């Protein structure tokens, strides 16, 4: 089992995050993943239009490392999925 998180893994998690936002009828136009660099002190962020945070606390911050960003995106995506599924099971 691979333990290292690659850039492509983070981008895949971001794609799943955006797809789940769309399923909730949330406008995804202009949503961007800003890659971080621990070396240069830049964090990973999810922003809309380059500067506005998207539904994530702390100014769009999702982590300092690829692993943190990957896990945060999957936690958020899984939570949105669970909410959507729970709503389907609610009686009308």
Protein backbone atom coordinates (compact mmCIF):
# COMPACT_ATOMS: atom_id res chain seq x y z
CA UNK A 1 0.00 0.00 0.00
CA UNK A 2 1.33 3.38 -1.00
CA UNK A 3 1.46 5.91 1.84
CA UNK A 4 2.81 8.91 -0.06
CA UNK A 5 0.22 11.36 -1.39
CA UNK A 6 1.03 12.72 -4.84
CA UNK A 7 -0.14 15.90 -6.53
CA UNK A 8 -2.45 13.82 -8.74
CA UNK A 9 -4.08 12.34 -5.61
CA UNK A 10 -4.91 15.82 -4.31
CA UNK A 11 -6.27 16.83 -7.72
CA UNK A 12 -8.44 13.69 -7.81
CA UNK A 13 -9.82 14.48 -4.34
CA UNK A 14 -10.50 18.05 -5.49
CA UNK A 15 -12.37 16.75 -8.54
CA UNK A 16 -14.56 14.58 -6.31
CA UNK A 17 -15.16 17.58 -4.02
CA UNK A 18 -16.30 19.76 -6.95
CA UNK A 19 -18.51 16.97 -8.32
CA UNK A 20 -20.23 16.63 -4.94
CA UNK A 21 -20.76 20.41 -4.75
CA UNK A 22 -22.50 20.21 -8.13
CA UNK A 23 -24.76 17.42 -6.85
CA UNK A 24 -25.85 19.83 -4.11
CA UNK A 25 -26.62 22.50 -6.75
CA UNK A 26 -23.80 24.74 -5.55
CA UNK A 27 -22.22 27.06 -8.12
CA UNK A 28 -18.75 25.71 -8.88
CA UNK A 29 -17.77 28.30 -11.46
CA UNK A 30 -14.27 29.59 -10.81
CA UNK A 31 -13.47 27.17 -7.97
CA UNK A 32 -9.74 26.55 -7.88
CA UNK A 33 -7.33 24.44 -5.91
CA UNK A 34 -4.27 26.43 -4.89
CA UNK A 35 -1.34 24.10 -4.33
CA UNK A 36 0.69 24.74 -1.25
CA UNK A 37 4.37 24.52 -0.52
CA UNK A 38 5.57 23.73 2.96
CA UNK A 39 9.03 24.86 1.86
CA UNK A 40 7.78 28.33 0.83
CA UNK A 41 5.15 28.63 3.56
CA UNK A 42 2.13 28.48 1.22
CA UNK A 43 -0.88 26.45 2.26
CA UNK A 44 -3.25 24.43 0.12
CA UNK A 45 -6.52 26.33 -0.33
CA UNK A 46 -9.85 26.05 -2.12
CA UNK A 47 -10.84 29.44 -3.51
CA UNK A 48 -13.44 30.80 -5.90
CA UNK A 49 -12.33 33.43 -8.35
CA UNK A 50 -8.79 33.32 -7.02
CA UNK A 51 -9.43 34.96 -3.67
CA UNK A 52 -12.76 34.07 -2.04
CA UNK A 53 -12.84 30.99 0.23
CA UNK A 54 -15.36 28.29 -0.65
CA UNK A 55 -17.31 26.71 2.18
CA UNK A 56 -14.16 25.91 4.08
CA UNK A 57 -13.26 27.58 7.34
CA UNK A 58 -10.12 29.60 7.87
CA UNK A 59 -9.97 31.36 4.50
CA UNK A 60 -10.21 28.26 2.34
CA UNK A 61 -7.31 26.54 4.13
CA UNK A 62 -7.27 22.76 3.63
CA UNK A 63 -3.74 21.93 4.77
CA UNK A 64 -0.01 22.60 4.72
CA UNK A 65 0.91 19.33 3.07
CA UNK A 66 -0.48 17.22 0.22
CA UNK A 67 -1.61 14.61 2.73
CA UNK A 68 -3.49 17.17 4.84
CA UNK A 69 -5.15 18.67 1.75
CA UNK A 70 -6.07 15.23 0.40
CA UNK A 71 -7.58 14.07 3.68
CA UNK A 72 -9.46 17.33 4.27
CA UNK A 73 -11.00 17.26 0.78
CA UNK A 74 -12.08 13.64 1.23
CA UNK A 75 -13.55 14.32 4.68
CA UNK A 76 -15.57 17.23 3.35
CA UNK A 77 -16.66 15.30 0.25
CA UNK A 78 -17.69 12.27 2.31
CA UNK A 79 -19.69 14.47 4.69
CA UNK A 80 -21.54 16.12 1.79
CA UNK A 81 -22.25 12.66 0.33
CA UNK A 82 -23.58 11.41 3.67
CA UNK A 83 -25.87 14.45 4.01
CA UNK A 84 -27.22 13.93 0.49
CA UNK A 85 -27.89 10.25 1.15
CA UNK A 86 -29.55 10.99 4.50
CA UNK A 87 -31.87 13.48 2.81
CA UNK A 88 -32.90 10.84 0.27
CA UNK A 89 -33.96 8.56 3.11
CA UNK A 90 -36.11 11.23 4.80
CA UNK A 91 -39.85 10.72 4.35
CA UNK A 92 -41.38 13.33 2.05
